[in-house]
């Protein structure tokens, strides 16, 4: 049996410490309402390397978007300062700019196909 495996390669960590948390989305409605994120799959794993790879198996080919964050203090949430600026690193599929706020789904969307089965994401830190 052949399974579709999407490999996510995340790099650019300032420290190899904490967790890498990843969320996979399959439509704009599941992501664009930031107060009600609804990933189809999500995972947090211990960060052990840079780059850190993880896989999503048995995933149908199609369009997706990925958001990741470096959970340095291992509390499983993206910590922010008093202004709401993330204190932990973030990254998104297609590596869009995050300086003016998080990207929308369309900026992150990519096609998962037999020819495109790996996506590289660079972690960015704002502070």
PDB file of N, CA and C in Angstrom:
ATOM      1  N   UNK A   1       0.839  -1.181   0.000  1.00  0.00           N
ATOM      2  CA  UNK A   1       0.000   0.000   0.000  1.00  0.00           C
ATOM      3  C   UNK A   1       0.887   1.249   0.000  1.00  0.00           C
ATOM      4  N   UNK A   2       0.592   2.177  -0.873  1.00  0.00           N
ATOM      5  CA  UNK A   2       1.333   3.426  -0.957  1.00  0.00           C
ATOM      6  C   UNK A   2       0.620   4.473  -0.104  1.00  0.00           C
ATOM      7  N   UNK A   3       1.382   5.155   0.720  1.00  0.00           N
ATOM      8  CA  UNK A   3       0.795   6.233   1.514  1.00  0.00           C
ATOM      9  C   UNK A   3       1.428   7.552   1.107  1.00  0.00           C
ATOM     10  N   UNK A   4       0.655   8.591   1.186  1.00  0.00           N
ATOM     11  CA  UNK A   4       1.137   9.929   0.870  1.00  0.00           C
ATOM     12  C   UNK A   4       1.749  10.519   2.130  1.00  0.00           C
ATOM     13  N   UNK A   5       3.017  10.862   2.053  1.00  0.00           N
ATOM     14  CA  UNK A   5       3.726  11.408   3.207  1.00  0.00           C
ATOM     15  C   UNK A   5       4.231  12.800   2.867  1.00  0.00           C
ATOM     16  N   UNK A   6       3.809  13.783   3.661  1.00  0.00           N
ATOM     17  CA  UNK A   6       4.298  15.149   3.542  1.00  0.00           C
ATOM     18  C   UNK A   6       5.392  15.344   4.590  1.00  0.00           C
ATOM     19  N   UNK A   7       6.573  15.745   4.142  1.00  0.00           N
ATOM     20  CA  UNK A   7       7.681  16.035   5.043  1.00  0.00           C
ATOM     21  C   UNK A   7       7.786  17.541   5.231  1.00  0.00           C
ATOM     22  N   UNK A   8       7.857  17.964   6.484  1.00  0.00           N
ATOM     23  CA  UNK A   8       8.015  19.377   6.830  1.00  0.00           C
ATOM     24  C   UNK A   8       9.403  19.529   7.446  1.00  0.00           C
ATOM     25  N   UNK A   9      10.224  20.396   6.840  1.00  0.00           N
ATOM     26  CA  UNK A   9      11.581  20.653   7.327  1.00  0.00           C
ATOM     27  C   UNK A   9      11.632  22.077   7.871  1.00  0.00           C
ATOM     28  N   UNK A  10      11.858  22.194   9.171  1.00  0.00           N
ATOM     29  CA  UNK A  10      11.856  23.505   9.828  1.00  0.00           C
ATOM     30  C   UNK A  10      13.282  23.823  10.274  1.00  0.00           C
ATOM     31  N   UNK A  11      13.740  25.045   9.961  1.00  0.00           N
ATOM     32  CA  UNK A  11      15.107  25.441  10.301  1.00  0.00           C
ATOM     33  C   UNK A  11      15.133  26.872  10.828  1.00  0.00           C
ATOM     34  N   UNK A  12      16.298  27.267  11.351  1.00  0.00           N
ATOM     35  CA  UNK A  12      16.497  28.639  11.807  1.00  0.00           C
ATOM     36  C   UNK A  12      16.275  28.858  13.288  1.00  0.00           C
ATOM     37  N   UNK A  13      16.316  27.808  14.081  1.00  0.00           N
ATOM     38  CA  UNK A  13      16.091  27.942  15.527  1.00  0.00           C
ATOM     39  C   UNK A  13      17.249  28.686  16.183  1.00  0.00           C
ATOM     40  N   UNK A  14      16.937  29.573  17.126  1.00  0.00           N
ATOM     41  CA  UNK A  14      18.022  30.275  17.813  1.00  0.00           C
ATOM     42  C   UNK A  14      18.639  29.413  18.909  1.00  0.00           C
ATOM     43  N   UNK A  15      17.896  28.434  19.404  1.00  0.00           N
ATOM     44  CA  UNK A  15      18.399  27.477  20.392  1.00  0.00           C
ATOM     45  C   UNK A  15      17.770  26.122  20.097  1.00  0.00           C
ATOM     46  N   UNK A  16      18.520  25.066  20.330  1.00  0.00           N
ATOM     47  CA  UNK A  16      17.955  23.720  20.228  1.00  0.00           C
ATOM     48  C   UNK A  16      17.448  23.369  21.624  1.00  0.00           C
ATOM     49  N   UNK A  17      16.274  23.878  21.923  1.00  0.00           N
ATOM     50  CA  UNK A  17      15.675  23.738  23.254  1.00  0.00           C
ATOM     51  C   UNK A  17      14.171  23.876  23.101  1.00  0.00           C
ATOM     52  N   UNK A  18      13.413  23.090  23.840  1.00  0.00           N
ATOM     53  CA  UNK A  18      11.958  23.212  23.818  1.00  0.00           C
ATOM     54  C   UNK A  18      11.307  22.302  22.797  1.00  0.00           C
ATOM     55  N   UNK A  19      10.155  22.741  22.319  1.00  0.00           N
ATOM     56  CA  UNK A  19       9.344  21.957  21.386  1.00  0.00           C
ATOM     57  C   UNK A  19       9.168  22.685  20.065  1.00  0.00           C
ATOM     58  N   UNK A  20       8.870  21.918  19.047  1.00  0.00           N
ATOM     59  CA  UNK A  20       8.409  22.453  17.775  1.00  0.00           C
ATOM     60  C   UNK A  20       6.940  22.071  17.660  1.00  0.00           C
ATOM     61  N   UNK A  21       6.066  23.064  17.531  1.00  0.00           N
ATOM     62  CA  UNK A  21       4.633  22.812  17.392  1.00  0.00           C
ATOM     63  C   UNK A  21       4.206  23.171  15.977  1.00  0.00           C
ATOM     64  N   UNK A  22       3.439  22.277  15.373  1.00  0.00           N
ATOM     65  CA  UNK A  22       3.067  22.389  13.963  1.00  0.00           C
ATOM     66  C   UNK A  22       1.567  22.193  13.823  1.00  0.00           C
ATOM     67  N   UNK A  23       0.945  23.006  12.966  1.00  0.00           N
ATOM     68  CA  UNK A  23      -0.486  22.865  12.665  1.00  0.00           C
ATOM     69  C   UNK A  23      -0.667  22.877  11.153  1.00  0.00           C
ATOM     70  N   UNK A  24      -1.469  21.942  10.660  1.00  0.00           N
ATOM     71  CA  UNK A  24      -1.745  21.784   9.231  1.00  0.00           C
ATOM     72  C   UNK A  24      -3.204  22.146   8.970  1.00  0.00           C
ATOM     73  N   UNK A  25      -3.414  23.026   7.991  1.00  0.00           N
ATOM     74  CA  UNK A  25      -4.753  23.514   7.657  1.00  0.00           C
ATOM     75  C   UNK A  25      -5.075  23.168   6.208  1.00  0.00           C
ATOM     76  N   UNK A  26      -6.375  22.934   5.927  1.00  0.00           N
ATOM     77  CA  UNK A  26      -6.756  22.569   4.560  1.00  0.00           C
ATOM     78  C   UNK A  26      -7.747  23.527   3.906  1.00  0.00           C
ATOM     79  N   UNK A  27      -8.087  24.627   4.590  1.00  0.00           N
ATOM     80  CA  UNK A  27      -8.967  25.622   3.969  1.00  0.00           C
ATOM     81  C   UNK A  27      -8.859  26.941   4.732  1.00  0.00           C
ATOM     82  N   UNK A  28      -9.206  28.050   4.076  1.00  0.00           N
ATOM     83  CA  UNK A  28      -9.063  29.362   4.724  1.00  0.00           C
ATOM     84  C   UNK A  28      -9.871  29.507   6.008  1.00  0.00           C
ATOM     85  N   UNK A  29     -11.066  28.938   6.051  1.00  0.00           N
ATOM     86  CA  UNK A  29     -11.914  29.094   7.234  1.00  0.00           C
ATOM     87  C   UNK A  29     -11.295  28.457   8.473  1.00  0.00           C
ATOM     88  N   UNK A  30     -10.488  27.421   8.285  1.00  0.00           N
ATOM     89  CA  UNK A  30      -9.878  26.744   9.427  1.00  0.00           C
ATOM     90  C   UNK A  30      -8.707  27.524  10.009  1.00  0.00           C
ATOM     91  N   UNK A  31      -8.209  28.535   9.269  1.00  0.00           N
ATOM     92  CA  UNK A  31      -7.039  29.290   9.724  1.00  0.00           C
ATOM     93  C   UNK A  31      -7.288  30.785   9.926  1.00  0.00           C
ATOM     94  N   UNK A  32      -8.019  31.419   9.036  1.00  0.00           N
ATOM     95  CA  UNK A  32      -8.087  32.882   9.036  1.00  0.00           C
ATOM     96  C   UNK A  32      -8.746  33.482  10.273  1.00  0.00           C
ATOM     97  N   UNK A  33      -9.609  32.740  10.963  1.00  0.00           N
ATOM     98  CA  UNK A  33     -10.175  33.216  12.230  1.00  0.00           C
ATOM     99  C   UNK A  33      -9.204  32.824  13.345  1.00  0.00           C
ATOM    100  N   UNK A  34      -8.282  33.737  13.679  1.00  0.00           N
ATOM    101  CA  UNK A  34      -7.200  33.418  14.625  1.00  0.00           C
ATOM    102  C   UNK A  34      -7.707  33.075  16.027  1.00  0.00           C
ATOM    103  N   UNK A  35      -8.929  33.478  16.348  1.00  0.00           N
ATOM    104  CA  UNK A  35      -9.466  33.152  17.669  1.00  0.00           C
ATOM    105  C   UNK A  35     -10.070  31.751  17.702  1.00  0.00           C
ATOM    106  N   UNK A  36     -10.154  31.096  16.536  1.00  0.00           N
ATOM    107  CA  UNK A  36     -10.767  29.772  16.472  1.00  0.00           C
ATOM    108  C   UNK A  36     -10.046  28.905  15.440  1.00  0.00           C
ATOM    109  N   UNK A  37      -8.741  28.705  15.621  1.00  0.00           N
ATOM    110  CA  UNK A  37      -7.963  27.888  14.692  1.00  0.00           C
ATOM    111  C   UNK A  37      -8.448  26.445  14.728  1.00  0.00           C
ATOM    112  N   UNK A  38      -8.582  25.840  13.550  1.00  0.00           N
ATOM    113  CA  UNK A  38      -9.062  24.464  13.465  1.00  0.00           C
ATOM    114  C   UNK A  38      -8.191  23.656  12.507  1.00  0.00           C
ATOM    115  N   UNK A  39      -6.969  23.308  12.945  1.00  0.00           N
ATOM    116  CA  UNK A  39      -6.112  22.509  12.071  1.00  0.00           C
ATOM    117  C   UNK A  39      -6.679  21.109  11.875  1.00  0.00           C
ATOM    118  N   UNK A  40      -6.388  20.526  10.708  1.00  0.00           N
ATOM    119  CA  UNK A  40      -6.818  19.140  10.486  1.00  0.00           C
ATOM    120  C   UNK A  40      -5.864  18.170  11.171  1.00  0.00           C
ATOM    121  N   UNK A  41      -4.629  18.612  11.369  1.00  0.00           N
ATOM    122  CA  UNK A  41      -3.655  17.840  12.138  1.00  0.00           C
ATOM    123  C   UNK A  41      -2.734  18.815  12.858  1.00  0.00           C
ATOM    124  N   UNK A  42      -2.284  18.407  14.024  1.00  0.00           N
ATOM    125  CA  UNK A  42      -1.324  19.222  14.765  1.00  0.00           C
ATOM    126  C   UNK A  42      -0.456  18.306  15.612  1.00  0.00           C
ATOM    127  N   UNK A  43       0.716  18.822  15.946  1.00  0.00           N
ATOM    128  CA  UNK A  43       1.651  18.024  16.717  1.00  0.00           C
ATOM    129  C   UNK A  43       2.683  18.934  17.358  1.00  0.00           C
ATOM    130  N   UNK A  44       3.144  18.555  18.539  1.00  0.00           N
ATOM    131  CA  UNK A  44       4.296  19.192  19.168  1.00  0.00           C
ATOM    132  C   UNK A  44       5.302  18.085  19.460  1.00  0.00           C
ATOM    133  N   UNK A  45       6.555  18.328  19.102  1.00  0.00           N
ATOM    134  CA  UNK A  45       7.584  17.341  19.361  1.00  0.00           C
ATOM    135  C   UNK A  45       8.820  18.012  19.924  1.00  0.00           C
ATOM    136  N   UNK A  46       9.595  17.251  20.669  1.00  0.00           N
ATOM    137  CA  UNK A  46      10.810  17.758  21.276  1.00  0.00           C
ATOM    138  C   UNK A  46      11.784  18.170  20.184  1.00  0.00           C
ATOM    139  N   UNK A  47      12.304  19.367  20.288  1.00  0.00           N
ATOM    140  CA  UNK A  47      13.261  19.880  19.315  1.00  0.00           C
ATOM    141  C   UNK A  47      14.628  19.276  19.606  1.00  0.00           C
ATOM    142  N   UNK A  48      15.205  18.589  18.614  1.00  0.00           N
ATOM    143  CA  UNK A  48      16.499  17.934  18.817  1.00  0.00           C
ATOM    144  C   UNK A  48      17.529  18.307  17.760  1.00  0.00           C
ATOM    145  N   UNK A  49      17.125  19.024  16.702  1.00  0.00           N
ATOM    146  CA  UNK A  49      18.059  19.294  15.619  1.00  0.00           C
ATOM    147  C   UNK A  49      17.625  20.523  14.829  1.00  0.00           C
ATOM    148  N   UNK A  50      18.533  21.059  14.041  1.00  0.00           N
ATOM    149  CA  UNK A  50      18.234  22.163  13.126  1.00  0.00           C
ATOM    150  C   UNK A  50      18.930  21.855  11.808  1.00  0.00           C
ATOM    151  N   UNK A  51      18.181  21.494  10.782  1.00  0.00           N
ATOM    152  CA  UNK A  51      16.720  21.523  10.705  1.00  0.00           C
ATOM    153  C   UNK A  51      16.076  20.343  11.423  1.00  0.00           C
ATOM    154  N   UNK A  52      14.833  20.547  11.817  1.00  0.00           N
ATOM    155  CA  UNK A  52      14.011  19.511  12.445  1.00  0.00           C
ATOM    156  C   UNK A  52      12.975  19.063  11.425  1.00  0.00           C
ATOM    157  N   UNK A  53      12.909  17.769  11.165  1.00  0.00           N
ATOM    158  CA  UNK A  53      11.929  17.231  10.222  1.00  0.00           C
ATOM    159  C   UNK A  53      10.804  16.535  10.964  1.00  0.00           C
ATOM    160  N   UNK A  54       9.618  16.612  10.381  1.00  0.00           N
ATOM    161  CA  UNK A  54       8.490  15.826  10.850  1.00  0.00           C
ATOM    162  C   UNK A  54       7.642  15.472   9.640  1.00  0.00           C
ATOM    163  N   UNK A  55       6.807  14.473   9.791  1.00  0.00           N
ATOM    164  CA  UNK A  55       5.995  14.026   8.658  1.00  0.00           C
ATOM    165  C   UNK A  55       4.526  13.926   9.035  1.00  0.00           C
ATOM    166  N   UNK A  56       3.699  14.130   8.030  1.00  0.00           N
ATOM    167  CA  UNK A  56       2.271  13.839   8.107  1.00  0.00           C
ATOM    168  C   UNK A  56       2.027  12.711   7.116  1.00  0.00           C
ATOM    169  N   UNK A  57       1.575  11.563   7.598  1.00  0.00           N
ATOM    170  CA  UNK A  57       1.351  10.419   6.711  1.00  0.00           C
ATOM    171  C   UNK A  57      -0.133  10.258   6.396  1.00  0.00           C
ATOM    172  N   UNK A  58      -0.390   9.476   5.351  1.00  0.00           N
ATOM    173  CA  UNK A  58      -1.752   9.199   4.889  1.00  0.00           C
ATOM    174  C   UNK A  58      -2.533  10.485   4.661  1.00  0.00           C
ATOM    175  N   UNK A  59      -1.884  11.437   4.033  1.00  0.00           N
ATOM    176  CA  UNK A  59      -2.471  12.745   3.759  1.00  0.00           C
ATOM    177  C   UNK A  59      -2.877  12.805   2.290  1.00  0.00           C
ATOM    178  N   UNK A  60      -4.123  13.103   1.985  1.00  0.00           N
ATOM    179  CA  UNK A  60      -4.531  13.204   0.577  1.00  0.00           C
ATOM    180  C   UNK A  60      -3.786  14.342  -0.117  1.00  0.00           C
ATOM    181  N   UNK A  61      -3.459  14.144  -1.378  1.00  0.00           N
ATOM    182  CA  UNK A  61      -2.865  15.232  -2.145  1.00  0.00           C
ATOM    183  C   UNK A  61      -3.873  16.364  -2.253  1.00  0.00           C
ATOM    184  N   UNK A  62      -3.373  17.604  -2.218  1.00  0.00           N
ATOM    185  CA  UNK A  62      -4.252  18.763  -2.289  1.00  0.00           C
ATOM    186  C   UNK A  62      -3.540  20.005  -1.805  1.00  0.00           C
ATOM    187  N   UNK A  63      -4.308  21.046  -1.538  1.00  0.00           N
ATOM    188  CA  UNK A  63      -3.766  22.326  -1.075  1.00  0.00           C
ATOM    189  C   UNK A  63      -3.842  22.412   0.445  1.00  0.00           C
ATOM    190  N   UNK A  64      -2.755  22.900   1.041  1.00  0.00           N
ATOM    191  CA  UNK A  64      -2.648  22.999   2.490  1.00  0.00           C
ATOM    192  C   UNK A  64      -1.889  24.264   2.875  1.00  0.00           C
ATOM    193  N   UNK A  65      -1.897  24.571   4.163  1.00  0.00           N
ATOM    194  CA  UNK A  65      -1.081  25.633   4.744  1.00  0.00           C
ATOM    195  C   UNK A  65      -0.578  25.123   6.094  1.00  0.00           C
ATOM    196  N   UNK A  66       0.624  25.545   6.455  1.00  0.00           N
ATOM    197  CA  UNK A  66       1.236  25.091   7.706  1.00  0.00           C
ATOM    198  C   UNK A  66       1.695  26.296   8.518  1.00  0.00           C
ATOM    199  N   UNK A  67       1.430  26.244   9.817  1.00  0.00           N
ATOM    200  CA  UNK A  67       1.952  27.226  10.769  1.00  0.00           C
ATOM    201  C   UNK A  67       2.740  26.465  11.832  1.00  0.00           C
ATOM    202  N   UNK A  68       3.904  27.001  12.205  1.00  0.00           N
ATOM    203  CA  UNK A  68       4.740  26.368  13.227  1.00  0.00           C
ATOM    204  C   UNK A  68       5.177  27.421  14.241  1.00  0.00           C
ATOM    205  N   UNK A  69       5.499  26.973  15.436  1.00  0.00           N
ATOM    206  CA  UNK A  69       6.163  27.868  16.380  1.00  0.00           C
ATOM    207  C   UNK A  69       7.139  27.086  17.245  1.00  0.00           C
ATOM    208  N   UNK A  70       8.175  27.791  17.697  1.00  0.00           N
ATOM    209  CA  UNK A  70       9.213  27.226  18.554  1.00  0.00           C
ATOM    210  C   UNK A  70       8.804  27.474  20.003  1.00  0.00           C
ATOM    211  N   UNK A  71       8.304  26.454  20.642  1.00  0.00           N
ATOM    212  CA  UNK A  71       7.839  26.530  22.030  1.00  0.00           C
ATOM    213  C   UNK A  71       9.048  26.381  22.957  1.00  0.00           C
ATOM    214  N   UNK A  72       9.805  27.461  23.107  1.00  0.00           N
ATOM    215  CA  UNK A  72      11.065  27.405  23.850  1.00  0.00           C
ATOM    216  C   UNK A  72      10.881  27.024  25.313  1.00  0.00           C
ATOM    217  N   UNK A  73       9.807  27.475  25.947  1.00  0.00           N
ATOM    218  CA  UNK A  73       9.613  27.193  27.374  1.00  0.00           C
ATOM    219  C   UNK A  73       8.706  25.985  27.628  1.00  0.00           C
ATOM    220  N   UNK A  74       8.363  25.255  26.581  1.00  0.00           N
ATOM    221  CA  UNK A  74       7.632  23.985  26.678  1.00  0.00           C
ATOM    222  C   UNK A  74       6.287  24.100  27.384  1.00  0.00           C
ATOM    223  N   UNK A  75       5.559  25.200  27.126  1.00  0.00           N
ATOM    224  CA  UNK A  75       4.224  25.335  27.716  1.00  0.00           C
ATOM    225  C   UNK A  75       3.111  25.120  26.683  1.00  0.00           C
ATOM    226  N   UNK A  76       3.477  24.743  25.468  1.00  0.00           N
ATOM    227  CA  UNK A  76       2.545  24.393  24.393  1.00  0.00           C
ATOM    228  C   UNK A  76       1.650  25.548  23.954  1.00  0.00           C
ATOM    229  N   UNK A  77       2.147  26.774  24.104  1.00  0.00           N
ATOM    230  CA  UNK A  77       1.437  27.934  23.576  1.00  0.00           C
ATOM    231  C   UNK A  77       2.452  28.967  23.105  1.00  0.00           C
ATOM    232  N   UNK A  78       2.038  29.793  22.147  1.00  0.00           N
ATOM    233  CA  UNK A  78       2.894  30.850  21.628  1.00  0.00           C
ATOM    234  C   UNK A  78       2.839  32.022  22.599  1.00  0.00           C
ATOM    235  N   UNK A  79       3.938  32.271  23.291  1.00  0.00           N
ATOM    236  CA  UNK A  79       3.980  33.339  24.287  1.00  0.00           C
ATOM    237  C   UNK A  79       4.249  34.684  23.624  1.00  0.00           C
ATOM    238  N   UNK A  80       3.582  35.723  24.145  1.00  0.00           N
ATOM    239  CA  UNK A  80       3.725  37.071  23.608  1.00  0.00           C
ATOM    240  C   UNK A  80       4.096  38.033  24.732  1.00  0.00           C
ATOM    241  N   UNK A  81       4.578  39.216  24.333  1.00  0.00           N
ATOM    242  CA  UNK A  81       4.852  40.244  25.331  1.00  0.00           C
ATOM    243  C   UNK A  81       3.581  41.046  25.593  1.00  0.00           C
ATOM    244  N   UNK A  82       3.676  42.114  26.371  1.00  0.00           N
ATOM    245  CA  UNK A  82       2.485  42.879  26.750  1.00  0.00           C
ATOM    246  C   UNK A  82       1.824  43.577  25.563  1.00  0.00           C
ATOM    247  N   UNK A  83       2.542  43.722  24.458  1.00  0.00           N
ATOM    248  CA  UNK A  83       1.964  44.317  23.247  1.00  0.00           C
ATOM    249  C   UNK A  83       1.368  43.269  22.303  1.00  0.00           C
ATOM    250  N   UNK A  84       1.490  41.999  22.675  1.00  0.00           N
ATOM    251  CA  UNK A  84       0.984  40.931  21.827  1.00  0.00           C
ATOM    252  C   UNK A  84       1.978  40.451  20.782  1.00  0.00           C
ATOM    253  N   UNK A  85       3.223  40.916  20.863  1.00  0.00           N
ATOM    254  CA  UNK A  85       4.255  40.492  19.917  1.00  0.00           C
ATOM    255  C   UNK A  85       4.825  39.157  20.384  1.00  0.00           C
ATOM    256  N   UNK A  86       4.857  38.158  19.508  1.00  0.00           N
ATOM    257  CA  UNK A  86       5.369  36.842  19.908  1.00  0.00           C
ATOM    258  C   UNK A  86       6.815  36.899  20.401  1.00  0.00           C
ATOM    259  N   UNK A  87       7.059  36.247  21.537  1.00  0.00           N
ATOM    260  CA  UNK A  87       8.408  36.144  22.089  1.00  0.00           C
ATOM    261  C   UNK A  87       9.098  34.876  21.613  1.00  0.00           C
ATOM    262  N   UNK A  88       8.355  33.985  20.973  1.00  0.00           N
ATOM    263  CA  UNK A  88       8.907  32.731  20.472  1.00  0.00           C
ATOM    264  C   UNK A  88       8.847  32.754  18.945  1.00  0.00           C
ATOM    265  N   UNK A  89       9.720  31.973  18.333  1.00  0.00           N
ATOM    266  CA  UNK A  89       9.811  31.956  16.881  1.00  0.00           C
ATOM    267  C   UNK A  89       8.588  31.347  16.220  1.00  0.00           C
ATOM    268  N   UNK A  90       8.291  31.851  15.024  1.00  0.00           N
ATOM    269  CA  UNK A  90       7.157  31.362  14.236  1.00  0.00           C
ATOM    270  C   UNK A  90       7.618  31.136  12.804  1.00  0.00           C
ATOM    271  N   UNK A  91       6.864  30.322  12.083  1.00  0.00           N
ATOM    272  CA  UNK A  91       7.119  30.131  10.664  1.00  0.00           C
ATOM    273  C   UNK A  91       5.865  29.645   9.972  1.00  0.00           C
ATOM    274  N   UNK A  92       5.842  29.828   8.663  1.00  0.00           N
ATOM    275  CA  UNK A  92       4.663  29.479   7.873  1.00  0.00           C
ATOM    276  C   UNK A  92       5.105  28.911   6.534  1.00  0.00           C
ATOM    277  N   UNK A  93       4.296  28.037   5.969  1.00  0.00           N
ATOM    278  CA  UNK A  93       4.601  27.533   4.637  1.00  0.00           C
ATOM    279  C   UNK A  93       4.707  28.704   3.666  1.00  0.00           C
ATOM    280  N   UNK A  94       5.595  28.587   2.715  1.00  0.00           N
ATOM    281  CA  UNK A  94       5.955  29.633   1.733  1.00  0.00           C
ATOM    282  C   UNK A  94       6.780  30.755   2.346  1.00  0.00           C
ATOM    283  N   UNK A  95       7.053  30.702   3.640  1.00  0.00           N
ATOM    284  CA  UNK A  95       7.906  31.674   4.324  1.00  0.00           C
ATOM    285  C   UNK A  95       7.539  33.130   4.049  1.00  0.00           C
ATOM    286  N   UNK A  96       6.258  33.506   4.218  1.00  0.00           N
ATOM    287  CA  UNK A  96       5.864  34.905   4.003  1.00  0.00           C
ATOM    288  C   UNK A  96       6.411  35.805   5.112  1.00  0.00           C
ATOM    289  N   UNK A  97       6.445  37.084   4.854  1.00  0.00           N
ATOM    290  CA  UNK A  97       6.871  38.054   5.861  1.00  0.00           C
ATOM    291  C   UNK A  97       5.880  38.051   7.028  1.00  0.00           C
ATOM    292  N   UNK A  98       6.412  38.202   8.234  1.00  0.00           N
ATOM    293  CA  UNK A  98       5.544  38.256   9.422  1.00  0.00           C
ATOM    294  C   UNK A  98       5.689  39.582  10.152  1.00  0.00           C
ATOM    295  N   UNK A  99       6.382  40.541   9.571  1.00  0.00           N
ATOM    296  CA  UNK A  99       6.643  41.803  10.259  1.00  0.00           C
ATOM    297  C   UNK A  99       5.396  42.654  10.430  1.00  0.00           C
ATOM    298  N   UNK A 100       4.390  42.466   9.604  1.00  0.00           N
ATOM    299  CA  UNK A 100       3.153  43.252   9.720  1.00  0.00           C
ATOM    300  C   UNK A 100       1.990  42.385  10.185  1.00  0.00           C
ATOM    301  N   UNK A 101       2.289  41.347  10.919  1.00  0.00           N
ATOM    302  CA  UNK A 101       1.254  40.448  11.400  1.00  0.00           C
ATOM    303  C   UNK A 101       1.324  39.115  10.683  1.00  0.00           C
ATOM    304  N   UNK A 102       0.588  38.149  11.206  1.00  0.00           N
ATOM    305  CA  UNK A 102       0.592  36.824  10.618  1.00  0.00           C
ATOM    306  C   UNK A 102      -0.029  36.815   9.233  1.00  0.00           C
ATOM    307  N   UNK A 103       0.445  35.942   8.366  1.00  0.00           N
ATOM    308  CA  UNK A 103      -0.084  35.874   7.004  1.00  0.00           C
ATOM    309  C   UNK A 103      -1.474  35.255   6.966  1.00  0.00           C
ATOM    310  N   UNK A 104      -2.184  35.503   5.878  1.00  0.00           N
ATOM    311  CA  UNK A 104      -3.462  34.823   5.696  1.00  0.00           C
ATOM    312  C   UNK A 104      -3.223  33.481   5.001  1.00  0.00           C
ATOM    313  N   UNK A 105      -4.267  32.709   4.894  1.00  0.00           N
ATOM    314  CA  UNK A 105      -4.175  31.355   4.345  1.00  0.00           C
ATOM    315  C   UNK A 105      -3.605  31.362   2.931  1.00  0.00           C
ATOM    316  N   UNK A 106      -4.053  32.285   2.102  1.00  0.00           N
ATOM    317  CA  UNK A 106      -3.612  32.314   0.701  1.00  0.00           C
ATOM    318  C   UNK A 106      -2.105  32.515   0.592  1.00  0.00           C
ATOM    319  N   UNK A 107      -1.518  33.294   1.483  1.00  0.00           N
ATOM    320  CA  UNK A 107      -0.070  33.518   1.449  1.00  0.00           C
ATOM    321  C   UNK A 107       0.708  32.267   1.850  1.00  0.00           C
ATOM    322  N   UNK A 108       0.071  31.383   2.606  1.00  0.00           N
ATOM    323  CA  UNK A 108       0.719  30.169   3.104  1.00  0.00           C
ATOM    324  C   UNK A 108       0.414  28.935   2.257  1.00  0.00           C
ATOM    325  N   UNK A 109      -0.597  29.010   1.419  1.00  0.00           N
ATOM    326  CA  UNK A 109      -1.105  27.833   0.703  1.00  0.00           C
ATOM    327  C   UNK A 109      -0.057  27.262  -0.259  1.00  0.00           C
ATOM    328  N   UNK A 110       0.046  25.938  -0.259  1.00  0.00           N
ATOM    329  CA  UNK A 110       0.921  25.228  -1.191  1.00  0.00           C
ATOM    330  C   UNK A 110       0.205  23.959  -1.640  1.00  0.00           C
ATOM    331  N   UNK A 111       0.657  23.403  -2.753  1.00  0.00           N
ATOM    332  CA  UNK A 111       0.078  22.168  -3.276  1.00  0.00           C
ATOM    333  C   UNK A 111       0.959  20.989  -2.895  1.00  0.00           C
ATOM    334  N   UNK A 112       0.362  20.010  -2.236  1.00  0.00           N
ATOM    335  CA  UNK A 112       1.018  18.752  -1.889  1.00  0.00           C
ATOM    336  C   UNK A 112       0.711  17.765  -3.004  1.00  0.00           C
ATOM    337  N   UNK A 113       1.746  17.353  -3.727  1.00  0.00           N
ATOM    338  CA  UNK A 113       1.609  16.445  -4.867  1.00  0.00           C
ATOM    339  C   UNK A 113       2.704  15.384  -4.780  1.00  0.00           C
ATOM    340  N   UNK A 114       2.641  14.354  -5.624  1.00  0.00           N
ATOM    341  CA  UNK A 114       3.740  13.379  -5.632  1.00  0.00           C
ATOM    342  C   UNK A 114       5.091  14.037  -5.936  1.00  0.00           C
ATOM    343  N   UNK A 115       5.073  15.099  -6.732  1.00  0.00           N
ATOM    344  CA  UNK A 115       6.310  15.798  -7.081  1.00  0.00           C
ATOM    345  C   UNK A 115       6.728  16.808  -6.011  1.00  0.00           C
ATOM    346  N   UNK A 116       5.800  17.273  -5.212  1.00  0.00           N
ATOM    347  CA  UNK A 116       6.079  18.270  -4.168  1.00  0.00           C
ATOM    348  C   UNK A 116       5.642  17.692  -2.830  1.00  0.00           C
ATOM    349  N   UNK A 117       6.529  16.892  -2.211  1.00  0.00           N
ATOM    350  CA  UNK A 117       6.159  16.213  -0.968  1.00  0.00           C
ATOM    351  C   UNK A 117       6.970  16.688   0.235  1.00  0.00           C
ATOM    352  N   UNK A 118       7.805  17.714   0.041  1.00  0.00           N
ATOM    353  CA  UNK A 118       8.565  18.305   1.141  1.00  0.00           C
ATOM    354  C   UNK A 118       8.353  19.807   1.124  1.00  0.00           C
ATOM    355  N   UNK A 119       8.124  20.375   2.295  1.00  0.00           N
ATOM    356  CA  UNK A 119       7.974  21.825   2.419  1.00  0.00           C
ATOM    357  C   UNK A 119       8.987  22.311   3.459  1.00  0.00           C
ATOM    358  N   UNK A 120       9.740  23.350   3.114  1.00  0.00           N
ATOM    359  CA  UNK A 120      10.751  23.915   4.014  1.00  0.00           C
ATOM    360  C   UNK A 120      10.215  25.207   4.622  1.00  0.00           C
ATOM    361  N   UNK A 121      10.346  25.317   5.936  1.00  0.00           N
ATOM    362  CA  UNK A 121       9.865  26.493   6.666  1.00  0.00           C
ATOM    363  C   UNK A 121      11.008  27.045   7.505  1.00  0.00           C
ATOM    364  N   UNK A 122      11.194  28.350   7.452  1.00  0.00           N
ATOM    365  CA  UNK A 122      12.235  29.030   8.234  1.00  0.00           C
ATOM    366  C   UNK A 122      11.575  29.730   9.421  1.00  0.00           C
ATOM    367  N   UNK A 123      12.040  29.399  10.617  1.00  0.00           N
ATOM    368  CA  UNK A 123      11.552  30.053  11.834  1.00  0.00           C
ATOM    369  C   UNK A 123      12.074  31.490  11.864  1.00  0.00           C
ATOM    370  N   UNK A 124      11.188  32.421  12.263  1.00  0.00           N
ATOM    371  CA  UNK A 124      11.571  33.829  12.389  1.00  0.00           C
ATOM    372  C   UNK A 124      11.220  34.297  13.796  1.00  0.00           C
ATOM    373  N   UNK A 125      12.080  35.126  14.336  1.00  0.00           N
ATOM    374  CA  UNK A 125      11.884  35.678  15.678  1.00  0.00           C
ATOM    375  C   UNK A 125      11.696  37.183  15.561  1.00  0.00           C
ATOM    376  N   UNK A 126      10.683  37.719  16.218  1.00  0.00           N
ATOM    377  CA  UNK A 126      10.423  39.156  16.179  1.00  0.00           C
ATOM    378  C   UNK A 126      11.117  39.893  17.315  1.00  0.00           C
ATOM    379  N   UNK A 127      11.311  39.206  18.445  1.00  0.00           N
ATOM    380  CA  UNK A 127      12.055  39.803  19.565  1.00  0.00           C
ATOM    381  C   UNK A 127      12.968  38.756  20.169  1.00  0.00           C
TER     382      UNK A 127
END
